[in-house]
Amino acid sequence: MASSFFVEQFRHGSGKFEIEIVGGDTDNEEPLTAALRELKEETGYEPTASSRVELIGTTKPNPAFMANTCYTFLVTDVEQTAGQQFDEFERIKVSLASYDEILNMMRNGTIDHALVLSAFQWYRLNVLDAKV
């Protein structure tokens, strides 16, 4: 498996830098449009002609008091086409990790963001297990 992008940014709720996947609000866009925009803004990367771009899962972050849906997309074979473009208070460090490194970060608690854990469960269920 190829490496996955991670973004590291300060989150006021936890009071620390969190390791996450690319993400953000839809700004009244279709989820796929928003996902590709966020990918480019946060990392400077975009899909290529050979990219696989697909929705692999949806999650309701907390239906007890929120009505939103989180969409998880898989985007492969990207290329860097620009620099990062941050929102006003956004500062993001981009890094790569192998799937084994990701699993280890989940196991040791380095990655504990519920939506990131959910995204990798969708990846396992709809990409890795689909190959079996």
N, C-alpha and C. Protein backbone atom coordinates (compact mmCIF):
# COMPACT_ATOMS: atom_id res chain seq x y z
N MET A 1 0.83 -1.18 0.00
CA MET A 1 0.00 0.00 0.00
C MET A 1 0.88 1.24 0.00
N ALA A 2 0.46 2.24 -0.72
CA ALA A 2 1.17 3.51 -0.76
C ALA A 2 0.97 4.24 0.56
N SER A 3 1.71 5.29 0.72
CA SER A 3 1.60 6.10 1.92
C SER A 3 0.33 6.94 1.91
N SER A 4 -0.09 7.36 3.09
CA SER A 4 -1.24 8.24 3.25
C SER A 4 -0.78 9.58 3.78
N PHE A 5 -1.47 10.63 3.34
CA PHE A 5 -1.20 11.97 3.86
C PHE A 5 -1.76 12.11 5.26
N PHE A 6 -1.02 12.79 6.08
CA PHE A 6 -1.51 13.22 7.38
C PHE A 6 -1.28 14.70 7.50
N VAL A 7 -2.18 15.36 8.20
CA VAL A 7 -1.99 16.77 8.51
C VAL A 7 -1.92 16.89 10.03
N GLU A 8 -1.08 17.76 10.47
CA GLU A 8 -0.93 17.99 11.89
C GLU A 8 -1.25 19.44 12.15
N GLN A 9 -2.26 19.69 13.02
CA GLN A 9 -2.63 21.06 13.30
C GLN A 9 -3.13 21.20 14.73
N PHE A 10 -3.00 22.41 15.26
CA PHE A 10 -3.43 22.67 16.63
C PHE A 10 -4.94 22.70 16.70
N ARG A 11 -5.48 22.00 17.67
CA ARG A 11 -6.93 21.99 17.90
C ARG A 11 -7.21 22.55 19.28
N HIS A 12 -8.02 23.59 19.31
CA HIS A 12 -8.30 24.27 20.59
C HIS A 12 -9.06 23.37 21.56
N GLY A 13 -9.92 22.49 21.06
CA GLY A 13 -10.69 21.61 21.94
C GLY A 13 -9.80 20.72 22.79
N SER A 14 -8.77 20.15 22.18
CA SER A 14 -7.86 19.27 22.92
C SER A 14 -6.68 20.04 23.49
N GLY A 15 -6.45 21.25 22.96
CA GLY A 15 -5.31 22.04 23.43
C GLY A 15 -3.97 21.50 22.97
N LYS A 16 -3.98 20.73 21.88
CA LYS A 16 -2.72 20.17 21.40
C LYS A 16 -2.77 19.99 19.88
N PHE A 17 -1.62 19.67 19.31
CA PHE A 17 -1.55 19.35 17.89
C PHE A 17 -2.09 17.94 17.69
N GLU A 18 -2.98 17.80 16.73
CA GLU A 18 -3.60 16.51 16.44
C GLU A 18 -3.13 16.01 15.07
N ILE A 19 -2.99 14.72 14.95
CA ILE A 19 -2.67 14.10 13.67
C ILE A 19 -3.99 13.65 13.05
N GLU A 20 -4.27 14.18 11.86
CA GLU A 20 -5.56 13.95 11.22
C GLU A 20 -5.35 13.67 9.74
N ILE A 21 -6.44 13.37 9.05
CA ILE A 21 -6.42 13.30 7.59
C ILE A 21 -6.97 14.63 7.08
N VAL A 22 -6.80 14.89 5.80
CA VAL A 22 -7.31 16.11 5.20
C VAL A 22 -8.81 16.18 5.40
N GLY A 23 -9.33 17.36 5.72
CA GLY A 23 -10.76 17.50 5.91
C GLY A 23 -11.18 18.93 6.08
N GLY A 24 -12.47 19.15 6.08
CA GLY A 24 -13.01 20.49 6.29
C GLY A 24 -14.48 20.57 5.93
N ASP A 25 -15.00 21.78 6.00
CA ASP A 25 -16.41 22.02 5.69
C ASP A 25 -16.66 22.02 4.20
N THR A 26 -17.93 21.82 3.84
CA THR A 26 -18.29 21.78 2.43
C THR A 26 -18.51 23.15 1.82
N ASP A 27 -18.71 24.20 2.61
CA ASP A 27 -18.95 25.54 2.06
C ASP A 27 -20.04 25.51 0.99
N ASN A 28 -21.13 24.77 1.26
CA ASN A 28 -22.27 24.63 0.34
C ASN A 28 -21.91 23.99 -0.99
N GLU A 29 -20.90 23.12 -1.00
CA GLU A 29 -20.48 22.40 -2.20
C GLU A 29 -20.93 20.94 -2.06
N GLU A 30 -20.85 20.24 -3.15
CA GLU A 30 -21.02 18.79 -3.10
C GLU A 30 -19.83 18.23 -2.30
N PRO A 31 -20.04 17.15 -1.54
CA PRO A 31 -18.95 16.60 -0.73
C PRO A 31 -17.67 16.29 -1.52
N LEU A 32 -17.77 15.72 -2.71
CA LEU A 32 -16.58 15.41 -3.49
C LEU A 32 -15.83 16.69 -3.88
N THR A 33 -16.54 17.70 -4.30
CA THR A 33 -15.92 18.98 -4.66
C THR A 33 -15.19 19.55 -3.46
N ALA A 34 -15.82 19.50 -2.30
CA ALA A 34 -15.20 20.02 -1.08
C ALA A 34 -13.96 19.20 -0.70
N ALA A 35 -14.05 17.89 -0.84
CA ALA A 35 -12.92 17.02 -0.48
C ALA A 35 -11.70 17.34 -1.35
N LEU A 36 -11.91 17.50 -2.64
CA LEU A 36 -10.78 17.80 -3.54
C LEU A 36 -10.24 19.20 -3.31
N ARG A 37 -11.12 20.15 -2.98
CA ARG A 37 -10.67 21.51 -2.66
C ARG A 37 -9.81 21.49 -1.39
N GLU A 38 -10.29 20.79 -0.36
CA GLU A 38 -9.53 20.72 0.89
C GLU A 38 -8.19 20.02 0.69
N LEU A 39 -8.16 18.97 -0.13
CA LEU A 39 -6.91 18.29 -0.43
C LEU A 39 -5.90 19.27 -1.01
N LYS A 40 -6.34 20.05 -1.98
CA LYS A 40 -5.43 21.02 -2.62
C LYS A 40 -5.02 22.12 -1.65
N GLU A 41 -5.98 22.67 -0.89
CA GLU A 41 -5.67 23.75 0.04
C GLU A 41 -4.70 23.30 1.13
N GLU A 42 -4.96 22.14 1.72
CA GLU A 42 -4.17 21.70 2.86
C GLU A 42 -2.84 21.08 2.49
N THR A 43 -2.74 20.50 1.28
CA THR A 43 -1.51 19.80 0.92
C THR A 43 -0.83 20.31 -0.35
N GLY A 44 -1.59 20.98 -1.23
CA GLY A 44 -1.06 21.39 -2.53
C GLY A 44 -1.13 20.29 -3.57
N TYR A 45 -1.76 19.15 -3.24
CA TYR A 45 -1.85 18.01 -4.15
C TYR A 45 -3.25 17.92 -4.77
N GLU A 46 -3.28 17.36 -6.00
CA GLU A 46 -4.53 17.14 -6.72
C GLU A 46 -4.49 15.78 -7.40
N PRO A 47 -5.68 15.25 -7.73
CA PRO A 47 -5.73 13.98 -8.48
C PRO A 47 -5.13 14.14 -9.88
N THR A 48 -4.71 13.01 -10.44
CA THR A 48 -4.20 12.97 -11.81
C THR A 48 -5.19 12.16 -12.66
N ALA A 49 -4.87 12.01 -13.94
CA ALA A 49 -5.73 11.22 -14.83
C ALA A 49 -5.84 9.77 -14.38
N SER A 50 -4.82 9.27 -13.69
CA SER A 50 -4.83 7.87 -13.24
C SER A 50 -5.37 7.69 -11.81
N SER A 51 -5.82 8.77 -11.20
CA SER A 51 -6.29 8.70 -9.81
C SER A 51 -7.59 7.91 -9.69
N ARG A 52 -7.69 7.26 -8.57
CA ARG A 52 -8.95 6.65 -8.15
C ARG A 52 -9.55 7.61 -7.13
N VAL A 53 -10.75 8.10 -7.39
CA VAL A 53 -11.43 9.04 -6.49
C VAL A 53 -12.81 8.46 -6.22
N GLU A 54 -13.03 8.08 -4.96
CA GLU A 54 -14.34 7.49 -4.66
C GLU A 54 -14.73 7.67 -3.20
N LEU A 55 -16.02 7.76 -3.00
CA LEU A 55 -16.58 7.80 -1.65
C LEU A 55 -16.49 6.39 -1.07
N ILE A 56 -15.86 6.25 0.10
CA ILE A 56 -15.74 4.91 0.69
C ILE A 56 -16.55 4.77 1.97
N GLY A 57 -17.14 5.87 2.46
CA GLY A 57 -17.97 5.74 3.65
C GLY A 57 -18.51 7.07 4.13
N THR A 58 -19.57 6.99 4.92
CA THR A 58 -20.12 8.18 5.57
C THR A 58 -20.31 7.87 7.05
N THR A 59 -20.22 8.91 7.86
CA THR A 59 -20.33 8.78 9.30
C THR A 59 -21.13 9.95 9.85
N LYS A 60 -21.97 9.70 10.82
CA LYS A 60 -22.65 10.77 11.55
C LYS A 60 -21.84 10.99 12.83
N PRO A 61 -21.10 12.11 12.91
CA PRO A 61 -20.18 12.32 14.04
C PRO A 61 -20.83 12.23 15.42
N ASN A 62 -22.00 12.81 15.61
CA ASN A 62 -22.68 12.69 16.90
C ASN A 62 -24.16 13.03 16.71
N PRO A 63 -24.96 12.05 16.27
CA PRO A 63 -26.35 12.32 15.97
C PRO A 63 -27.20 12.66 17.19
N ALA A 64 -26.63 12.57 18.39
CA ALA A 64 -27.38 12.96 19.59
C ALA A 64 -27.72 14.44 19.57
N PHE A 65 -26.83 15.26 18.99
CA PHE A 65 -27.11 16.69 18.94
C PHE A 65 -26.61 17.39 17.69
N MET A 66 -26.11 16.64 16.70
CA MET A 66 -25.65 17.22 15.44
C MET A 66 -26.31 16.48 14.28
N ALA A 67 -26.61 17.23 13.20
CA ALA A 67 -27.27 16.62 12.05
C ALA A 67 -26.34 16.47 10.85
N ASN A 68 -25.04 16.68 11.04
CA ASN A 68 -24.11 16.64 9.92
C ASN A 68 -23.67 15.22 9.57
N THR A 69 -23.13 15.10 8.37
CA THR A 69 -22.57 13.84 7.89
C THR A 69 -21.13 14.08 7.48
N CYS A 70 -20.25 13.16 7.85
CA CYS A 70 -18.85 13.21 7.45
C CYS A 70 -18.66 12.21 6.31
N TYR A 71 -18.11 12.69 5.20
CA TYR A 71 -17.88 11.86 4.02
C TYR A 71 -16.41 11.51 3.95
N THR A 72 -16.09 10.24 3.72
CA THR A 72 -14.71 9.81 3.58
C THR A 72 -14.46 9.39 2.14
N PHE A 73 -13.50 10.06 1.50
CA PHE A 73 -13.14 9.78 0.12
C PHE A 73 -11.74 9.20 0.05
N LEU A 74 -11.54 8.29 -0.86
CA LEU A 74 -10.22 7.76 -1.19
C LEU A 74 -9.77 8.47 -2.46
N VAL A 75 -8.56 9.02 -2.42
CA VAL A 75 -7.96 9.65 -3.60
C VAL A 75 -6.56 9.10 -3.74
N THR A 76 -6.28 8.44 -4.86
CA THR A 76 -4.96 7.85 -5.08
C THR A 76 -4.22 8.60 -6.18
N ASP A 77 -2.94 8.32 -6.33
CA ASP A 77 -2.11 8.84 -7.42
C ASP A 77 -2.22 10.36 -7.58
N VAL A 78 -1.93 11.08 -6.52
CA VAL A 78 -2.00 12.54 -6.58
C VAL A 78 -0.65 13.12 -6.96
N GLU A 79 -0.67 14.39 -7.39
CA GLU A 79 0.58 15.10 -7.69
C GLU A 79 0.49 16.50 -7.11
N GLN A 80 1.64 17.01 -6.70
CA GLN A 80 1.67 18.36 -6.15
C GLN A 80 1.62 19.36 -7.29
N THR A 81 0.62 20.24 -7.24
CA THR A 81 0.43 21.24 -8.29
C THR A 81 0.50 22.67 -7.76
N ALA A 82 0.53 22.84 -6.45
CA ALA A 82 0.51 24.17 -5.84
C ALA A 82 1.08 24.08 -4.43
N GLY A 83 1.22 25.24 -3.81
CA GLY A 83 1.59 25.28 -2.40
C GLY A 83 0.33 25.20 -1.55
N GLN A 84 0.52 25.06 -0.26
CA GLN A 84 -0.62 25.04 0.65
C GLN A 84 -1.29 26.41 0.67
N GLN A 85 -2.60 26.43 0.87
CA GLN A 85 -3.37 27.66 0.97
C GLN A 85 -4.20 27.59 2.24
N PHE A 86 -3.71 28.20 3.30
CA PHE A 86 -4.36 28.09 4.60
C PHE A 86 -5.49 29.09 4.78
N ASP A 87 -6.49 28.68 5.59
CA ASP A 87 -7.48 29.62 6.08
C ASP A 87 -6.77 30.54 7.07
N GLU A 88 -7.45 31.57 7.53
CA GLU A 88 -6.83 32.61 8.35
C GLU A 88 -6.06 32.08 9.55
N PHE A 89 -6.63 31.15 10.30
CA PHE A 89 -5.97 30.67 11.52
C PHE A 89 -5.41 29.25 11.36
N GLU A 90 -5.32 28.78 10.16
CA GLU A 90 -4.90 27.41 9.89
C GLU A 90 -3.40 27.37 9.61
N ARG A 91 -2.71 26.48 10.28
CA ARG A 91 -1.31 26.19 10.00
C ARG A 91 -1.18 24.68 10.04
N ILE A 92 -0.82 24.11 8.91
CA ILE A 92 -0.86 22.65 8.79
C ILE A 92 0.49 22.13 8.32
N LYS A 93 0.96 21.10 8.99
CA LYS A 93 2.15 20.38 8.57
C LYS A 93 1.69 19.08 7.92
N VAL A 94 2.20 18.80 6.72
CA VAL A 94 1.83 17.59 5.99
C VAL A 94 2.93 16.55 6.13
N SER A 95 2.54 15.31 6.35
CA SER A 95 3.51 14.22 6.39
C SER A 95 2.89 12.97 5.79
N LEU A 96 3.70 11.98 5.56
CA LEU A 96 3.26 10.71 4.99
C LEU A 96 3.50 9.59 6.00
N ALA A 97 2.65 8.57 5.95
CA ALA A 97 2.83 7.40 6.80
C ALA A 97 2.35 6.17 6.05
N SER A 98 3.00 5.06 6.27
CA SER A 98 2.55 3.80 5.68
C SER A 98 1.34 3.30 6.48
N TYR A 99 0.63 2.34 5.91
CA TYR A 99 -0.53 1.78 6.60
C TYR A 99 -0.11 1.15 7.93
N ASP A 100 1.01 0.45 7.99
CA ASP A 100 1.49 -0.13 9.24
C ASP A 100 1.80 0.95 10.28
N GLU A 101 2.39 2.06 9.84
CA GLU A 101 2.67 3.17 10.76
C GLU A 101 1.37 3.77 11.28
N ILE A 102 0.37 3.87 10.41
CA ILE A 102 -0.94 4.38 10.81
C ILE A 102 -1.55 3.48 11.88
N LEU A 103 -1.52 2.18 11.64
CA LEU A 103 -2.07 1.25 12.63
C LEU A 103 -1.35 1.37 13.96
N ASN A 104 -0.04 1.51 13.94
CA ASN A 104 0.72 1.67 15.19
C ASN A 104 0.34 2.96 15.91
N MET A 105 0.14 4.05 15.16
CA MET A 105 -0.27 5.32 15.78
C MET A 105 -1.66 5.21 16.39
N MET A 106 -2.52 4.42 15.78
CA MET A 106 -3.85 4.19 16.36
C MET A 106 -3.74 3.36 17.63
N ARG A 107 -2.94 2.32 17.56
CA ARG A 107 -2.78 1.43 18.72
C ARG A 107 -2.19 2.14 19.93
N ASN A 108 -1.20 3.02 19.67
CA ASN A 108 -0.55 3.67 20.82
C ASN A 108 -1.20 4.98 21.23
N GLY A 109 -2.31 5.36 20.55
CA GLY A 109 -3.05 6.54 20.95
C GLY A 109 -2.57 7.85 20.35
N THR A 110 -1.53 7.79 19.51
CA THR A 110 -1.06 9.00 18.83
C THR A 110 -2.18 9.56 17.96
N ILE A 111 -2.91 8.67 17.30
CA ILE A 111 -4.10 9.06 16.54
C ILE A 111 -5.29 8.59 17.35
N ASP A 112 -6.09 9.57 17.84
CA ASP A 112 -7.28 9.21 18.61
C ASP A 112 -8.50 10.04 18.20
N HIS A 113 -8.39 10.72 17.06
CA HIS A 113 -9.49 11.51 16.53
C HIS A 113 -10.53 10.55 15.96
N ALA A 114 -11.76 10.60 16.46
CA ALA A 114 -12.79 9.63 16.10
C ALA A 114 -13.06 9.58 14.60
N LEU A 115 -13.07 10.73 13.93
CA LEU A 115 -13.36 10.72 12.49
C LEU A 115 -12.21 10.15 11.68
N VAL A 116 -11.01 10.27 12.16
CA VAL A 116 -9.86 9.67 11.49
C VAL A 116 -9.91 8.15 11.67
N LEU A 117 -10.21 7.71 12.88
CA LEU A 117 -10.35 6.27 13.13
C LEU A 117 -11.46 5.69 12.26
N SER A 118 -12.55 6.41 12.15
CA SER A 118 -13.66 5.98 11.29
C SER A 118 -13.23 5.89 9.84
N ALA A 119 -12.49 6.87 9.36
CA ALA A 119 -12.05 6.88 7.96
C ALA A 119 -11.19 5.66 7.65
N PHE A 120 -10.31 5.30 8.56
CA PHE A 120 -9.48 4.11 8.30
C PHE A 120 -10.26 2.81 8.44
N GLN A 121 -11.31 2.81 9.22
CA GLN A 121 -12.19 1.64 9.24
C GLN A 121 -12.91 1.52 7.90
N TRP A 122 -13.39 2.64 7.34
CA TRP A 122 -14.01 2.60 6.01
C TRP A 122 -13.00 2.12 4.96
N TYR A 123 -11.77 2.58 5.09
CA TYR A 123 -10.73 2.13 4.15
C TYR A 123 -10.55 0.61 4.23
N ARG A 124 -10.45 0.11 5.45
CA ARG A 124 -10.27 -1.33 5.63
C ARG A 124 -11.46 -2.10 5.06
N LEU A 125 -12.67 -1.66 5.38
CA LEU A 125 -13.86 -2.38 4.96
C LEU A 125 -14.10 -2.32 3.45
N ASN A 126 -13.90 -1.16 2.85
CA ASN A 126 -14.31 -0.95 1.46
C ASN A 126 -13.19 -0.95 0.45
N VAL A 127 -11.94 -0.99 0.91
CA VAL A 127 -10.82 -1.05 -0.01
C VAL A 127 -10.01 -2.32 0.23
N LEU A 128 -9.47 -2.46 1.43
CA LEU A 128 -8.64 -3.65 1.70
C LEU A 128 -9.45 -4.93 1.67
N ASP A 129 -10.57 -4.97 2.39
CA ASP A 129 -11.37 -6.20 2.43
C ASP A 129 -12.03 -6.49 1.09
N ALA A 130 -12.26 -5.47 0.29
CA ALA A 130 -12.88 -5.66 -1.03
C ALA A 130 -11.93 -6.41 -1.98
N LYS A 131 -10.64 -6.39 -1.70
CA LYS A 131 -9.66 -7.08 -2.53
C LYS A 131 -9.61 -8.56 -2.26
N VAL A 132 -10.14 -8.97 -1.11
CA VAL A 132 -10.06 -10.37 -0.70
C VAL A 132 -11.08 -11.21 -1.45
